[in-house]
Amino acid sequence: MKFLLKKCPRCGRYTLREACPVCKINTKVAHPPRFSPQDKYVKYRIILRELSTNIKDID
C-alpha cells in the first residue's frame, strides 16, 4: 500500500505532492511506520533517531 499523504518537514503543511508547494523542499510520508512487538531492529532505530535530533540541535 502506498501512502499518498505527505508532510513538509519545514513548514508542517500536508500535501499530496513530492515537494512542498510553499517551501519547495521534499516532503516526507506523514504516516508512522508499522509497529511489531517482535521487531529486532527497534534498538537501532531509537539510537539513530536520538543521534539525528542531537545533530539538529547543534545546527
C-alpha atoms as a PDB file:
ATOM      1  CA  MET A   1       0.000   0.000   0.000  1.00  0.00           C
ATOM      2  CA  LYS A   2       1.418   3.362  -0.983  1.00  0.00           C
ATOM      3  CA  PHE A   3       0.681   6.281   1.293  1.00  0.00           C
ATOM      4  CA  LEU A   4      -0.312   9.418  -0.573  1.00  0.00           C
ATOM      5  CA  LEU A   5      -0.448  11.973   2.226  1.00  0.00           C
ATOM      6  CA  LYS A   6       2.875  13.738   2.760  1.00  0.00           C
ATOM      7  CA  LYS A   7       4.051  16.400   5.202  1.00  0.00           C
ATOM      8  CA  CYS A   8       6.592  19.172   4.787  1.00  0.00           C
ATOM      9  CA  PRO A   9       9.291  18.904   7.475  1.00  0.00           C
ATOM     10  CA  ARG A  10       9.950  22.662   7.394  1.00  0.00           C
ATOM     11  CA  CYS A  11       6.519  24.318   7.471  1.00  0.00           C
ATOM     12  CA  GLY A  12       4.367  21.341   8.573  1.00  0.00           C
ATOM     13  CA  ARG A  13       1.848  21.574   5.713  1.00  0.00           C
ATOM     14  CA  TYR A  14       0.187  18.440   4.405  1.00  0.00           C
ATOM     15  CA  THR A  15       0.113  17.785   0.665  1.00  0.00           C
ATOM     16  CA  LEU A  16      -0.103  15.036  -1.930  1.00  0.00           C
ATOM     17  CA  ARG A  17       2.934  16.299  -3.847  1.00  0.00           C
ATOM     18  CA  GLU A  18       6.551  15.173  -3.650  1.00  0.00           C
ATOM     19  CA  ALA A  19       7.692  18.755  -2.971  1.00  0.00           C
ATOM     20  CA  CYS A  20       6.042  21.335  -0.709  1.00  0.00           C
ATOM     21  CA  PRO A  21       4.172  23.942  -2.775  1.00  0.00           C
ATOM     22  CA  VAL A  22       5.257  26.705  -0.358  1.00  0.00           C
ATOM     23  CA  CYS A  23       8.833  25.793   0.684  1.00  0.00           C
ATOM     24  CA  LYS A  24       9.798  23.830  -2.460  1.00  0.00           C
ATOM     25  CA  ILE A  25      11.608  21.164  -0.398  1.00  0.00           C
ATOM     26  CA  ASN A  26      10.972  17.407  -0.473  1.00  0.00           C
ATOM     27  CA  THR A  27       8.096  16.140   1.652  1.00  0.00           C
ATOM     28  CA  LYS A  28       8.066  13.041   3.863  1.00  0.00           C
ATOM     29  CA  VAL A  29       5.418  10.392   4.450  1.00  0.00           C
ATOM     30  CA  ALA A  30       3.011  11.583   7.156  1.00  0.00           C
ATOM     31  CA  HIS A  31       2.190   8.095   8.472  1.00  0.00           C
ATOM     32  CA  PRO A  32       4.267   6.387  11.186  1.00  0.00           C
ATOM     33  CA  PRO A  33       5.916   3.039  10.417  1.00  0.00           C
ATOM     34  CA  ARG A  34       4.066  -0.117  11.388  1.00  0.00           C
ATOM     35  CA  PHE A  35       4.685  -1.476  14.874  1.00  0.00           C
ATOM     36  CA  SER A  36       5.613  -5.054  15.618  1.00  0.00           C
ATOM     37  CA  PRO A  37       6.365  -6.433  19.107  1.00  0.00           C
ATOM     38  CA  GLN A  38       8.894  -8.831  17.532  1.00  0.00           C
ATOM     39  CA  ASP A  39      10.855  -6.028  15.874  1.00  0.00           C
ATOM     40  CA  LYS A  40      14.514  -6.862  16.348  1.00  0.00           C
ATOM     41  CA  TYR A  41      15.831  -3.553  14.948  1.00  0.00           C
ATOM     42  CA  VAL A  42      13.937  -1.127  17.199  1.00  0.00           C
ATOM     43  CA  LYS A  43      17.029  -0.538  19.333  1.00  0.00           C
ATOM     44  CA  TYR A  44      18.999   0.694  16.316  1.00  0.00           C
ATOM     45  CA  ARG A  45      16.207   2.987  15.090  1.00  0.00           C
ATOM     46  CA  ILE A  46      15.949   4.615  18.518  1.00  0.00           C
ATOM     47  CA  ILE A  47      19.703   5.239  18.548  1.00  0.00           C
ATOM     48  CA  LEU A  48      19.551   6.722  15.032  1.00  0.00           C
ATOM     49  CA  ARG A  49      16.655   8.982  15.973  1.00  0.00           C
ATOM     50  CA  GLU A  50      18.492  10.236  19.068  1.00  0.00           C
ATOM     51  CA  LEU A  51      21.636  10.922  17.056  1.00  0.00           C
ATOM     52  CA  SER A  52      19.746  12.783  14.354  1.00  0.00           C
ATOM     53  CA  THR A  53      17.896  15.006  16.854  1.00  0.00           C
ATOM     54  CA  ASN A  54      21.192  15.812  18.603  1.00  0.00           C
ATOM     55  CA  ILE A  55      22.736  16.855  15.281  1.00  0.00           C
ATOM     56  CA  LYS A  56      19.743  19.096  14.500  1.00  0.00           C
ATOM     57  CA  ASP A  57      20.059  20.744  17.934  1.00  0.00           C
ATOM     58  CA  ILE A  58      23.699  21.621  17.237  1.00  0.00           C
ATOM     59  CA  ASP A  59      22.923  23.396  13.933  1.00  0.00           C
END
